Structure formats: C-alpha cells, structure tokens
Amino acid sequence: MKRLALLSLLSAFVIPHSAFAAPPRPNLIVCIADDVSWDDFGCYGSKTARTPRIDALAAGGMKLTEAYLTASSCSPSRSSIITGRYPHNNGPGAELHQPVAANLPWLPAVLRENGYHTAIVGKNHMTRVGGPVGAETWDLIDPGITPDNHGAESKWAETIEKRPKDKPFFFWFASLDAHRAWDADKEWVESKYGPKHRPQDITMPPFLADDEATRDDLASYHNEITRFDHFVGKVADTLAAEGILDHTLILILADNGRPFPRAKTRLHDSGMKTALVAHWPAGMAKRGSSSASLVSVIDIAPTFLEAAGVKAPPSFQGVSFMPLFQDPQAVTRRHAFSEHNWHDYEAHGRSVRSEGWLYLRNQRPALAWQGPADSVRSPSHDSLKALRDAQKLTPAQADVFQAPRATEELYLTANDPNQLQNLASDPAHAETKARLAALLDQWTAETGDAAPARLTPDSFDRETGESLGKKNQAPRGDYPGLPKNAASINAPGPR
C-alpha cells in the first residue's frame, strides 16, 4: 500500500516525454537574386525599386547591413556560398563558369546526409570537377523556367507544397532576375507586379549617364527586381499556408552587383556588398531588428548547419552568425575578404573590409575595371562611351574607363559610400593602410592565395564587349590559388 502511494506521488512529478522533445529542426531556404546591388531593395533605402514582400520579411525578421560577397561574379560567388569557402580555395571555380574542386563537400550534401530533403530550383551555375552534381547532393534539380516565366521562380511555391512532409528541407531558390537580357518586360503581369517602373522616376547612380537610354535600361532592371520580390512573397505565403513559416530560416541575398558599369565584378560596395535579409520567427529574439555586424557570405553555410544542429566539416572557412539572431550587436567576425578574378576579362584584385575601412589591392593595374562583357554591350555603357568621347565624364563616370589604375585603394566607407576618394596615399591614414595590408598579406599566406604566372586572358573585346572568337582568344590560363594547391587548404585566415 505504501509502495502504491509512493508511485502515485512520484507520478505527479513525472513530466511527459513530449515536454522534453527537441524542437523541430528548422527548414532552410536561400532566395538568391541574380545581379542585384545591395541598395536596390526598398528596405535598404532604394527610392526606385518596389520590393514590398522582401521589405515585409525584413520588418518581421532581421536586416543585415554589413554583408559582403567573396566574389562579384555569378558562379564563383554561388560556389563560394555553397561550399563555405573563398573562391581561390574552390580550385578552378574561382573563375566564371569553372567547376569546384572535387574534394570539397557542399552544404546541401552535408544536410542531406543528416536527414534533410534538398532541392535547387532555378539558376544552378555550379559544377564540380570530374562530373555533374547530382543525387548525392540534391534530391531535386529543376531549372524552374516555365513558358510564362523565364525568371526561374514560378516553381518555388510548388516545390514547397510537394516536398516530403516527414523531413526538414533545404531549398536553394535561385532567380535569373535581374540578369541581362531583360525578359520581365515581355512577361509582365500588372495584376501580379503592379505597374512597370517609369524611367523618369529612377534614382541615378553617380557612375552612370543621366540620359533616356540609361534610364530605360535601369527601369527594366528594376522591373526584374520587383518580379523577384513577388515570388519571394509567394514562398512566404506558401510556408504560412503550410503552417511552417515560423520554423523556416529564410535568407534573401544576391550573388553580385547590378549588371551595369562600376558594379558587377567590382571590389567596391556597388559590386561586392549584398543585401541580406533573414526571417526566422522561431529562432530570433526580436523581430524587425537590424545588425551592422560584419558578415561574409561564406558564413551562410556554417550558420545553416548550426541552426540544423549539424557539425560543419573542416573545409568550411566561414563562421556562423547565429549569435546575431539573439543579439544584433554581437561580433562574429572582424574582417571580410573578397576577390576579383577572371570574368570575361583578365583580372586579379583582392580586398579586405575591417572596422569600417575598405582596402583594395590590384595586381593588374594596367587594365580598366570596366565591368563584364554584358555590361560593356549595354545601352548604359554606350552612353558613358559617348560622354567619354566628348570629354564630358564626371570623375565618378571616368572611373569606369580608368587605366592604369592604382595598385592600392583605401576608403572610409561611412564617409565615402561610393568609394570615390582614394586615401591610400594620404599620410594621415598610413597606419590604417599598413594594418589592412598586413591583414591581407596574412590572409593570402594562410589560405594559399596566389596569382599564377599566366592568368586567364580576355575573352571579349574591352571596348565593344563582343566575343574575341576562338581564332583570336589566347589559351585559358591558370586559376588563382593553383600554385599553392589552395583547394586543399582549409585555413580560414583572419576572421
């Protein structure tokens, strides 16, 4: 009798097993735009672009204001994000259209091995040396293009709805917006996207000509951004309808800057800075917060793995920024490094951002940084060439054609957001320049960065943007990092 009474008493203090059950592992989504500069979303201050759905996710989540890419070039940037490594540590993948070294694990493969359903829907542009990236990494690969949508976004919601319901998921939703040539204009549906952007309403960047052709070009670009925004909103709506929005970590960013002169491929903020919106109601201490802590996109992979409760492989060079979700003032890294390698044209540039400063080093100072070939063929570039030929360029516009360039550049970005005043030769900032140069040297040595004796040469005409053709093209050169076999080096350098 006493034993029954004791058991009865103990049972009153027994907490059901379900109360100890671990919270569900979060679903993980990347929504990545193609060629969109950081300040071309409304929540980042754009007075032109209409991005109400992204703005709403930022208002209910977190806006990271100091996030930087490792490359302002499509495939090297995307490959860097998905391997958590610097471009030169990805082997041939440091250069546009080239494959990632075969020995490196990818974020979706690690998640898949740990019970996640994985899918890439939209632009892929990431390959591996020796063969395709297939079922060992992705459960679903879909280019996402439909007859009425060549932005590659219209299957995103369907992918969520048709997922296996017994697994958490990682979805890489990759838009083709806003890559040239513009197709949103031809596929515009006003009932979905609202009216098209009007050229007369465009806020002009200082590097571009303020004329009708450039304004038309920018209006079409902004139409693509609004279409991307619409489908990001569809993703959020579908998650809500499925009852899983609160338990899904969504990151929204772009792979590089806008495809206009003095943006895409540049090491400056107009090319290398990215918007980064995080939305995860169940995992954030406060909604509608903003963090000015420094973040590199190689930090995305370890952040996702920490959220999923999975240990990051030693090859991942980034550091998780999960602490920012609880404390936006936390510091997860102090330095961010970026690269400018071959993208249509020969190039080798490096940069470090630290404590509000940007330091650049250019190993090909004789060559202009005019932008990729599709930008050189654009109406906006033609307008700048007309001003150049008439000797009417402003200093900001002239920078597009400048050659030779300085071997070193130094900017205090808060005072010079467009990076137009090079302080590298100013004695008042010699100590800062020396500190940043030493950081870049340390990162170069520890990560095995190296410029080969012969880099890949130009494949397009620098004046017209037209292909040089096989007869006029020199053989492909060696990729950066090859002399030191950087693809086998996991050291992250200073962080």
Protein backbone atom coordinates (compact mmCIF):
# COMPACT_ATOMS: atom_id res chain seq x y z
CA MET A 1 0.00 0.00 0.00
CA LYS A 2 2.82 2.35 0.93
CA ARG A 3 4.56 1.44 -2.36
CA LEU A 4 1.46 2.33 -4.39
CA ALA A 5 1.19 5.65 -2.56
CA LEU A 6 4.85 6.40 -3.33
CA LEU A 7 4.43 5.54 -7.01
CA SER A 8 1.34 7.73 -7.12
CA LEU A 9 3.27 10.60 -5.57
CA LEU A 10 6.18 10.21 -7.95
CA SER A 11 3.86 10.10 -10.95
CA ALA A 12 2.60 13.54 -10.05
CA PHE A 13 6.09 14.89 -10.69
CA VAL A 14 6.74 13.00 -13.89
CA ILE A 15 6.81 15.31 -16.90
CA PRO A 16 5.52 13.75 -20.11
CA HIS A 17 8.24 12.72 -22.58
CA SER A 18 6.85 15.13 -25.19
CA ALA A 19 7.79 18.05 -22.96
CA PHE A 20 11.45 17.08 -23.36
CA ALA A 21 11.18 16.54 -27.11
CA ALA A 22 13.67 18.61 -29.08
CA PRO A 23 12.19 21.44 -31.11
CA PRO A 24 11.83 20.58 -34.79
CA ARG A 25 14.91 21.22 -36.90
CA PRO A 26 14.32 24.36 -38.94
CA ASN A 27 13.67 24.32 -42.64
CA LEU A 28 16.27 26.31 -44.57
CA ILE A 29 15.75 28.42 -47.68
CA VAL A 30 18.05 30.64 -49.75
CA CYS A 31 16.34 33.06 -52.15
CA ILE A 32 19.16 34.39 -54.30
CA ALA A 33 18.74 37.12 -56.90
CA ASP A 34 20.98 37.37 -59.96
CA ASP A 35 22.95 40.62 -60.39
CA VAL A 36 21.22 42.93 -57.87
CA SER A 37 23.13 45.56 -55.90
CA TRP A 38 22.63 45.79 -52.15
CA ASP A 39 20.84 49.15 -52.21
CA ASP A 40 18.28 48.15 -54.85
CA PHE A 41 15.81 46.78 -52.31
CA GLY A 42 13.37 49.14 -50.63
CA CYS A 43 14.35 48.09 -47.11
CA TYR A 44 17.94 49.07 -47.92
CA GLY A 45 17.00 52.57 -48.96
CA SER A 46 16.12 52.28 -52.65
CA LYS A 47 13.74 55.04 -53.71
CA THR A 48 13.08 53.29 -57.03
CA ALA A 49 12.69 49.54 -56.62
CA ARG A 50 9.37 48.17 -55.34
CA THR A 51 10.13 45.24 -53.04
CA PRO A 52 7.18 45.15 -50.60
CA ARG A 53 7.42 41.42 -49.85
CA ILE A 54 11.14 41.46 -49.07
CA ASP A 55 10.63 44.63 -47.04
CA ALA A 56 7.90 42.87 -45.02
CA LEU A 57 10.17 39.88 -44.32
CA ALA A 58 12.87 42.27 -43.15
CA ALA A 59 10.35 44.04 -40.91
CA GLY A 60 9.43 40.68 -39.36
CA GLY A 61 12.99 39.40 -39.22
CA MET A 62 16.45 40.91 -39.44
CA LYS A 63 18.21 43.15 -41.92
CA LEU A 64 21.99 42.69 -42.01
CA THR A 65 23.57 45.90 -43.26
CA GLU A 66 27.23 44.89 -43.49
CA ALA A 67 27.13 41.67 -45.51
CA TYR A 68 29.71 41.06 -48.23
CA LEU A 69 30.26 38.65 -51.06
CA THR A 70 33.55 36.91 -51.72
CA ALA A 71 33.25 37.49 -55.47
CA SER A 72 31.09 39.81 -57.56
CA SER A 73 30.83 37.18 -60.26
CA CYS A 74 27.99 34.69 -60.70
CA SER A 75 29.33 31.14 -60.43
CA PRO A 76 32.35 31.91 -58.19
CA SER A 77 30.04 33.74 -55.77
CA ARG A 78 27.40 30.99 -55.69
CA SER A 79 30.00 28.23 -55.38
CA SER A 80 31.67 30.12 -52.53
CA ILE A 81 28.37 30.36 -50.65
CA ILE A 82 27.53 26.69 -51.08
CA THR A 83 30.97 25.37 -50.07
CA GLY A 84 31.60 27.96 -47.36
CA ARG A 85 34.99 28.70 -48.92
CA TYR A 86 36.80 31.56 -50.63
CA PRO A 87 36.80 31.36 -54.43
CA HIS A 88 40.54 30.62 -54.74
CA ASN A 89 40.05 27.77 -52.24
CA ASN A 90 37.48 26.21 -54.59
CA GLY A 91 40.02 25.33 -57.28
CA PRO A 92 39.05 26.19 -60.88
CA GLY A 93 35.72 27.51 -59.52
CA ALA A 94 37.48 30.77 -58.66
CA GLU A 95 36.77 31.80 -62.25
CA LEU A 96 33.46 32.26 -64.05
CA HIS A 97 31.83 29.09 -65.45
CA GLN A 98 34.53 26.83 -63.97
CA PRO A 99 33.96 23.79 -61.70
CA VAL A 100 34.61 23.44 -57.98
CA ALA A 101 37.38 21.07 -56.88
CA ALA A 102 36.07 17.52 -56.49
CA ASN A 103 37.38 17.02 -52.93
CA LEU A 104 35.14 19.65 -51.32
CA PRO A 105 31.80 18.96 -49.56
CA TRP A 106 28.78 21.12 -50.39
CA LEU A 107 26.28 22.45 -47.87
CA PRO A 108 23.27 20.58 -49.38
CA ALA A 109 25.17 17.28 -49.38
CA VAL A 110 26.03 17.66 -45.69
CA LEU A 111 22.41 18.49 -44.87
CA ARG A 112 21.11 15.61 -47.00
CA GLU A 113 23.37 13.17 -45.15
CA ASN A 114 21.78 14.45 -41.96
CA GLY A 115 18.17 13.85 -42.95
CA TYR A 116 17.28 16.98 -44.94
CA HIS A 117 15.38 16.95 -48.23
CA THR A 118 17.34 19.18 -50.64
CA ALA A 119 16.34 20.96 -53.85
CA ILE A 120 17.77 23.53 -56.22
CA VAL A 121 15.14 25.27 -58.31
CA GLY A 122 16.21 27.96 -60.76
CA LYS A 123 19.65 29.02 -61.87
CA ASN A 124 22.29 26.46 -60.95
CA HIS A 125 25.61 27.57 -62.46
CA MET A 126 27.62 25.42 -60.03
CA THR A 127 29.53 22.34 -61.17
CA ARG A 128 32.20 20.00 -59.84
CA VAL A 129 35.45 18.83 -61.42
CA GLY A 130 35.01 15.38 -62.96
CA GLY A 131 31.25 15.26 -63.31
CA PRO A 132 27.83 16.68 -62.55
CA VAL A 133 26.48 17.45 -59.12
CA GLY A 134 23.52 15.12 -58.76
CA ALA A 135 21.55 12.91 -56.39
CA GLU A 136 24.29 12.73 -53.77
CA THR A 137 23.73 16.45 -53.22
CA TRP A 138 20.23 17.33 -54.44
CA ASP A 139 17.02 15.33 -54.19
CA LEU A 140 15.53 17.65 -56.81
CA ILE A 141 17.18 19.68 -59.56
CA ASP A 142 14.80 21.84 -61.61
CA PRO A 143 15.73 24.84 -63.82
CA GLY A 144 12.41 26.36 -62.80
CA ILE A 145 11.65 28.02 -66.14
CA THR A 146 8.08 27.95 -67.46
CA PRO A 147 6.67 29.41 -70.69
CA ASP A 148 5.31 32.46 -68.88
CA ASN A 149 8.27 32.98 -66.55
CA HIS A 150 11.92 32.96 -67.58
CA GLY A 151 12.99 34.35 -64.22
CA ALA A 152 13.08 30.72 -62.97
CA GLU A 153 10.86 31.49 -59.98
CA SER A 154 7.41 30.11 -60.78
CA LYS A 155 8.08 26.59 -59.36
CA TRP A 156 9.30 27.70 -55.94
CA ALA A 157 5.91 27.51 -54.22
CA GLU A 158 5.15 24.18 -55.89
CA THR A 159 8.43 22.77 -54.58
CA ILE A 160 7.38 23.62 -51.02
CA GLU A 161 3.93 22.08 -51.46
CA LYS A 162 5.22 18.83 -52.98
CA ARG A 163 8.06 18.25 -50.54
CA PRO A 164 8.21 15.11 -48.36
CA LYS A 165 6.33 16.10 -45.22
CA ASP A 166 8.37 13.87 -42.91
CA LYS A 167 11.70 15.68 -43.37
CA PRO A 168 13.07 19.16 -42.83
CA PHE A 169 14.24 20.73 -46.08
CA PHE A 170 16.93 22.91 -47.62
CA PHE A 171 15.82 24.76 -50.75
CA TRP A 172 18.09 26.86 -52.94
CA PHE A 173 15.70 29.11 -54.86
CA ALA A 174 17.78 30.88 -57.48
CA SER A 175 16.25 33.53 -59.70
CA LEU A 176 17.53 34.61 -63.10
CA ASP A 177 16.27 38.11 -62.27
CA ALA A 178 17.87 40.58 -62.77
CA HIS A 179 20.35 39.21 -65.30
CA ARG A 180 20.55 40.71 -68.77
CA ALA A 181 18.83 40.50 -71.22
CA TRP A 182 15.63 41.72 -69.60
CA ASP A 183 12.68 39.35 -70.07
CA ALA A 184 10.42 40.60 -67.26
CA ASP A 185 9.31 43.44 -69.54
CA LYS A 186 7.93 40.94 -72.07
CA GLU A 187 6.34 38.72 -69.39
CA TRP A 188 4.95 41.47 -67.20
CA VAL A 189 1.62 40.82 -65.47
CA GLU A 190 0.41 44.04 -63.90
CA SER A 191 -2.09 42.28 -61.66
CA LYS A 192 0.84 40.47 -60.02
CA TYR A 193 3.63 43.00 -60.09
CA GLY A 194 1.91 46.37 -60.31
CA PRO A 195 2.83 48.97 -62.93
CA LYS A 196 6.22 48.89 -64.56
CA HIS A 197 8.88 51.23 -63.22
CA ARG A 198 8.94 54.56 -65.01
CA PRO A 199 12.30 55.80 -66.37
CA GLN A 200 11.62 59.32 -65.08
CA ASP A 201 11.36 58.00 -61.51
CA ILE A 202 14.76 56.32 -61.45
CA THR A 203 17.35 57.44 -58.90
CA MET A 204 20.59 57.63 -60.87
CA PRO A 205 23.86 56.19 -59.53
CA PRO A 206 26.67 58.75 -59.88
CA PHE A 207 28.74 56.50 -62.15
CA LEU A 208 26.11 56.41 -64.92
CA ALA A 209 24.96 58.91 -67.53
CA ASP A 210 21.63 60.57 -66.81
CA ASP A 211 20.02 60.11 -70.21
CA GLU A 212 16.98 58.40 -71.70
CA ALA A 213 18.81 55.21 -72.74
CA THR A 214 20.29 54.65 -69.28
CA ARG A 215 17.03 55.42 -67.51
CA ASP A 216 15.19 52.93 -69.76
CA ASP A 217 17.90 50.36 -69.02
CA LEU A 218 17.59 50.87 -65.27
CA ALA A 219 13.78 50.78 -65.37
CA SER A 220 13.90 47.32 -66.99
CA TYR A 221 16.40 46.21 -64.35
CA HIS A 222 14.09 47.37 -61.57
CA ASN A 223 11.17 45.51 -63.16
CA GLU A 224 13.16 42.30 -62.75
CA ILE A 225 13.79 43.06 -59.09
CA THR A 226 10.07 43.56 -58.48
CA ARG A 227 9.29 40.25 -60.18
CA PHE A 228 11.84 38.51 -57.93
CA ASP A 229 10.21 40.18 -54.93
CA HIS A 230 6.77 38.87 -55.95
CA PHE A 231 7.95 35.26 -55.96
CA VAL A 232 9.81 35.65 -52.67
CA GLY A 233 6.43 36.72 -51.33
CA LYS A 234 4.84 33.57 -52.81
CA VAL A 235 7.40 31.49 -50.93
CA ALA A 236 6.43 33.19 -47.65
CA ASP A 237 2.72 32.78 -48.40
CA THR A 238 3.12 29.08 -49.16
CA LEU A 239 5.14 28.48 -46.00
CA ALA A 240 2.42 30.23 -44.00
CA ALA A 241 -0.32 28.17 -45.65
CA GLU A 242 1.62 25.00 -44.81
CA GLY A 243 1.97 26.15 -41.21
CA ILE A 244 5.78 26.18 -41.26
CA LEU A 245 6.74 29.82 -41.81
CA ASP A 246 7.74 30.33 -38.18
CA HIS A 247 10.08 27.35 -38.28
CA THR A 248 11.80 28.20 -41.57
CA LEU A 249 15.01 30.22 -41.74
CA ILE A 250 14.90 32.24 -44.96
CA LEU A 251 17.90 34.19 -46.25
CA ILE A 252 17.47 36.64 -49.14
CA LEU A 253 20.51 37.99 -50.97
CA ALA A 254 22.13 38.40 -54.40
CA ASP A 255 25.19 36.86 -56.00
CA ASN A 256 26.76 40.13 -57.17
CA GLY A 257 26.08 43.75 -58.02
CA ARG A 258 23.82 45.11 -60.74
CA PRO A 259 24.96 44.37 -64.34
CA PHE A 260 25.89 47.98 -65.04
CA PRO A 261 29.20 49.85 -65.27
CA ARG A 262 31.05 50.20 -61.96
CA ALA A 263 29.03 47.49 -60.21
CA LYS A 264 29.17 43.79 -61.16
CA THR A 265 32.70 42.30 -60.82
CA ARG A 266 33.90 45.31 -58.76
CA LEU A 267 35.51 45.00 -55.34
CA HIS A 268 33.79 48.22 -54.29
CA ASP A 269 30.48 48.17 -52.40
CA SER A 270 28.50 48.66 -55.62
CA GLY A 271 29.68 45.20 -56.68
CA MET A 272 30.61 43.32 -53.52
CA LYS A 273 28.15 44.41 -50.85
CA THR A 274 24.90 42.43 -50.70
CA ALA A 275 21.54 42.83 -49.10
CA LEU A 276 20.99 40.01 -46.61
CA VAL A 277 17.54 39.63 -45.07
CA ALA A 278 16.98 36.88 -42.50
CA HIS A 279 13.49 35.74 -41.48
CA TRP A 280 13.05 33.07 -38.79
CA PRO A 281 10.38 33.92 -36.18
CA ALA A 282 11.06 30.86 -34.02
CA GLY A 283 14.80 31.47 -33.91
CA MET A 284 15.10 35.22 -33.41
CA ALA A 285 14.98 37.13 -30.18
CA LYS A 286 13.41 40.20 -31.74
CA ARG A 287 11.57 40.79 -34.99
CA GLY A 288 12.31 43.82 -37.11
CA SER A 289 15.88 44.18 -35.92
CA SER A 290 18.91 45.35 -37.83
CA SER A 291 22.52 44.27 -37.41
CA ALA A 292 25.57 46.22 -38.54
CA SER A 293 27.90 43.36 -37.59
CA LEU A 294 30.24 42.25 -40.34
CA VAL A 295 29.17 39.12 -42.25
CA SER A 296 30.71 37.27 -45.18
CA VAL A 297 28.60 35.01 -47.38
CA ILE A 298 30.93 32.10 -46.58
CA ASP A 299 29.30 32.34 -43.13
CA ILE A 300 25.92 31.22 -44.52
CA ALA A 301 26.82 27.52 -44.73
CA PRO A 302 28.06 27.20 -41.12
CA THR A 303 25.09 29.28 -39.93
CA PHE A 304 22.63 26.90 -41.57
CA LEU A 305 24.46 23.88 -40.16
CA GLU A 306 24.42 25.31 -36.63
CA ALA A 307 20.69 26.00 -36.97
CA ALA A 308 20.20 22.39 -38.09
CA GLY A 309 22.33 21.01 -35.25
CA VAL A 310 24.92 19.62 -37.68
CA LYS A 311 28.68 19.94 -37.23
CA ALA A 312 30.39 21.86 -40.03
CA PRO A 313 33.09 19.98 -41.95
CA PRO A 314 36.64 21.31 -41.55
CA SER A 315 36.65 22.58 -45.15
CA PHE A 316 34.13 25.32 -44.31
CA GLN A 317 36.11 28.53 -43.78
CA GLY A 318 33.21 30.72 -42.66
CA VAL A 319 31.93 31.30 -39.14
CA SER A 320 28.30 31.06 -38.03
CA PHE A 321 26.45 34.32 -37.47
CA MET A 322 23.70 32.61 -35.44
CA PRO A 323 24.61 34.75 -32.38
CA LEU A 324 23.29 37.81 -34.25
CA PHE A 325 19.76 36.39 -34.16
CA GLN A 326 19.80 36.67 -30.38
CA ASP A 327 21.94 39.80 -30.13
CA PRO A 328 22.22 42.00 -33.24
CA GLN A 329 25.21 43.76 -31.66
CA ALA A 330 27.23 40.54 -31.31
CA VAL A 331 30.50 40.27 -33.25
CA THR A 332 31.09 37.03 -35.17
CA ARG A 333 33.86 38.28 -37.45
CA ARG A 334 36.05 41.39 -37.68
CA HIS A 335 37.35 41.11 -41.23
CA ALA A 336 35.78 40.20 -44.60
CA PHE A 337 37.82 39.35 -47.69
CA SER A 338 36.79 39.42 -51.36
CA GLU A 339 38.30 38.56 -54.75
CA HIS A 340 38.17 39.81 -58.33
CA ASN A 341 39.23 37.07 -60.73
CA TRP A 342 38.60 36.37 -64.41
CA HIS A 343 35.07 37.18 -65.51
CA ASP A 344 35.22 37.69 -69.29
CA TYR A 345 38.40 39.76 -68.77
CA GLU A 346 41.77 39.17 -67.14
CA ALA A 347 41.81 40.39 -63.55
CA HIS A 348 43.36 39.80 -60.16
CA GLY A 349 42.26 42.01 -57.28
CA ARG A 350 41.81 41.45 -53.56
CA SER A 351 40.16 43.39 -50.76
CA VAL A 352 39.64 43.40 -47.01
CA ARG A 353 36.95 45.19 -45.02
CA SER A 354 37.65 45.88 -41.38
CA GLU A 355 36.40 48.41 -38.82
CA GLY A 356 34.61 50.48 -41.46
CA TRP A 357 37.55 50.58 -43.88
CA LEU A 358 37.93 49.05 -47.34
CA TYR A 359 41.42 48.29 -48.65
CA LEU A 360 41.93 47.06 -52.23
CA ARG A 361 45.00 45.65 -53.95
CA ASN A 362 45.16 45.31 -57.74
CA GLN A 363 47.72 43.07 -59.42
CA ARG A 364 46.62 44.11 -62.91
CA PRO A 365 46.72 47.93 -62.60
CA ALA A 366 47.28 48.45 -66.34
CA LEU A 367 43.77 47.15 -67.09
CA ALA A 368 40.50 49.03 -66.65
CA TRP A 369 37.76 47.60 -64.41
CA GLN A 370 35.01 48.35 -66.91
CA GLY A 371 32.68 45.52 -65.88
CA PRO A 372 31.66 42.24 -67.54
CA ALA A 373 31.00 41.87 -71.25
CA ASP A 374 27.20 42.04 -70.98
CA SER A 375 27.55 45.38 -69.20
CA VAL A 376 30.00 46.64 -71.83
CA ARG A 377 27.42 45.81 -74.51
CA SER A 378 24.66 47.68 -72.66
CA PRO A 379 22.99 50.99 -73.55
CA SER A 380 24.24 52.37 -70.24
CA HIS A 381 27.85 51.68 -71.17
CA ASP A 382 27.30 53.14 -74.66
CA SER A 383 26.09 56.36 -73.05
CA LEU A 384 29.23 56.56 -70.96
CA LYS A 385 31.40 55.98 -74.02
CA ALA A 386 29.65 58.87 -75.77
CA LEU A 387 30.42 61.14 -72.81
CA ARG A 388 34.00 59.87 -72.76
CA ASP A 389 34.50 60.62 -76.43
CA ALA A 390 33.03 64.10 -75.90
CA GLN A 391 35.31 64.56 -72.85
CA LYS A 392 32.30 65.19 -70.59
CA LEU A 393 32.71 62.46 -68.00
CA THR A 394 32.43 63.28 -64.32
CA PRO A 395 35.17 61.81 -62.06
CA ALA A 396 32.75 59.06 -60.90
CA GLN A 397 31.92 58.14 -64.50
CA ALA A 398 35.55 58.31 -65.62
CA ASP A 399 36.45 55.63 -63.09
CA VAL A 400 34.78 53.06 -65.36
CA PHE A 401 37.48 53.59 -68.00
CA GLN A 402 40.44 54.44 -65.79
CA ALA A 403 43.68 52.77 -66.86
CA PRO A 404 46.16 52.48 -65.40
CA ARG A 405 44.51 52.11 -62.03
CA ALA A 406 46.08 52.48 -58.61
CA THR A 407 47.68 49.34 -57.20
CA GLU A 408 46.20 50.19 -53.79
CA GLU A 409 42.94 51.86 -52.75
CA LEU A 410 41.73 52.81 -49.30
CA TYR A 411 38.29 54.11 -48.31
CA LEU A 412 36.46 55.01 -45.13
CA THR A 413 33.11 53.77 -46.34
CA ALA A 414 30.86 55.68 -43.92
CA ASN A 415 32.27 58.97 -45.23
CA ASP A 416 32.58 57.83 -48.84
CA PRO A 417 29.80 55.30 -49.59
CA ASN A 418 30.55 55.28 -53.34
CA GLN A 419 34.30 54.91 -52.77
CA LEU A 420 35.42 57.81 -54.91
CA GLN A 421 38.12 59.33 -52.68
CA ASN A 422 41.17 57.07 -52.55
CA LEU A 423 43.03 57.67 -49.29
CA ALA A 424 45.84 55.16 -49.93
CA SER A 425 48.48 57.87 -50.42
CA ASP A 426 47.25 60.09 -47.58
CA PRO A 427 49.92 60.15 -44.81
CA ALA A 428 47.17 60.66 -42.22
CA HIS A 429 45.94 57.12 -42.92
CA ALA A 430 49.28 55.38 -43.40
CA GLU A 431 48.90 53.39 -40.19
CA THR A 432 45.44 52.15 -41.20
CA LYS A 433 46.67 51.18 -44.64
CA ALA A 434 49.62 49.29 -43.18
CA ARG A 435 47.34 47.39 -40.79
CA LEU A 436 44.94 46.37 -43.55
CA ALA A 437 47.77 45.48 -45.93
CA ALA A 438 49.22 43.21 -43.27
CA LEU A 439 45.82 41.57 -42.77
CA LEU A 440 45.54 40.94 -46.50
CA ASP A 441 49.07 39.52 -46.57
CA GLN A 442 48.22 37.19 -43.67
CA TRP A 443 45.01 36.02 -45.35
CA THR A 444 46.86 35.47 -48.65
CA ALA A 445 49.52 33.35 -46.98
CA GLU A 446 47.25 31.33 -44.69
CA THR A 447 44.62 30.49 -47.33
CA GLY A 448 47.15 29.74 -50.08
CA ASP A 449 46.09 32.50 -52.43
CA ALA A 450 48.50 33.06 -55.31
CA ALA A 451 48.45 34.63 -58.74
CA PRO A 452 49.81 32.20 -61.35
CA ALA A 453 52.45 33.33 -63.80
CA ARG A 454 49.77 33.46 -66.51
CA LEU A 455 46.21 34.30 -65.61
CA THR A 456 43.30 33.62 -67.96
CA PRO A 457 43.34 36.40 -70.59
CA ASP A 458 40.46 38.42 -72.05
CA SER A 459 37.77 36.51 -73.94
CA PHE A 460 35.86 39.63 -75.03
CA ASP A 461 36.75 42.95 -76.60
CA ARG A 462 37.13 45.59 -73.89
CA GLU A 463 35.62 48.37 -76.00
CA THR A 464 32.64 46.58 -77.56
CA GLY A 465 32.03 43.60 -75.26
CA GLU A 466 31.92 41.29 -78.27
CA SER A 467 33.48 37.83 -78.14
CA LEU A 468 37.03 37.63 -79.50
CA GLY A 469 36.19 34.28 -81.06
CA LYS A 470 38.28 31.14 -80.93
CA LYS A 471 40.76 32.42 -83.51
CA ASN A 472 41.65 35.49 -81.50
CA GLN A 473 41.45 34.08 -77.99
CA ALA A 474 44.61 33.08 -76.19
CA PRO A 475 44.53 29.71 -74.38
CA ARG A 476 42.98 29.69 -70.94
CA GLY A 477 45.45 30.46 -68.16
CA ASP A 478 45.80 29.04 -64.67
CA TYR A 479 43.34 29.86 -61.91
CA PRO A 480 44.31 31.71 -58.72
CA GLY A 481 45.46 29.55 -55.85
CA LEU A 482 46.74 26.79 -58.14
CA PRO A 483 50.46 27.37 -57.39
CA LYS A 484 49.81 26.56 -53.70
CA ASN A 485 47.07 23.97 -54.26
CA ALA A 486 44.67 26.19 -52.33
CA ALA A 487 41.76 23.78 -52.89
CA SER A 488 43.38 21.50 -50.30
CA ILE A 489 43.84 24.27 -47.71
CA ASN A 490 41.14 24.73 -45.06
CA ALA A 491 42.72 27.52 -43.02
CA PRO A 492 40.29 30.47 -42.97
CA GLY A 493 42.82 33.24 -42.44
CA PRO A 494 41.94 36.15 -40.12
CA ARG A 495 38.29 36.40 -39.20
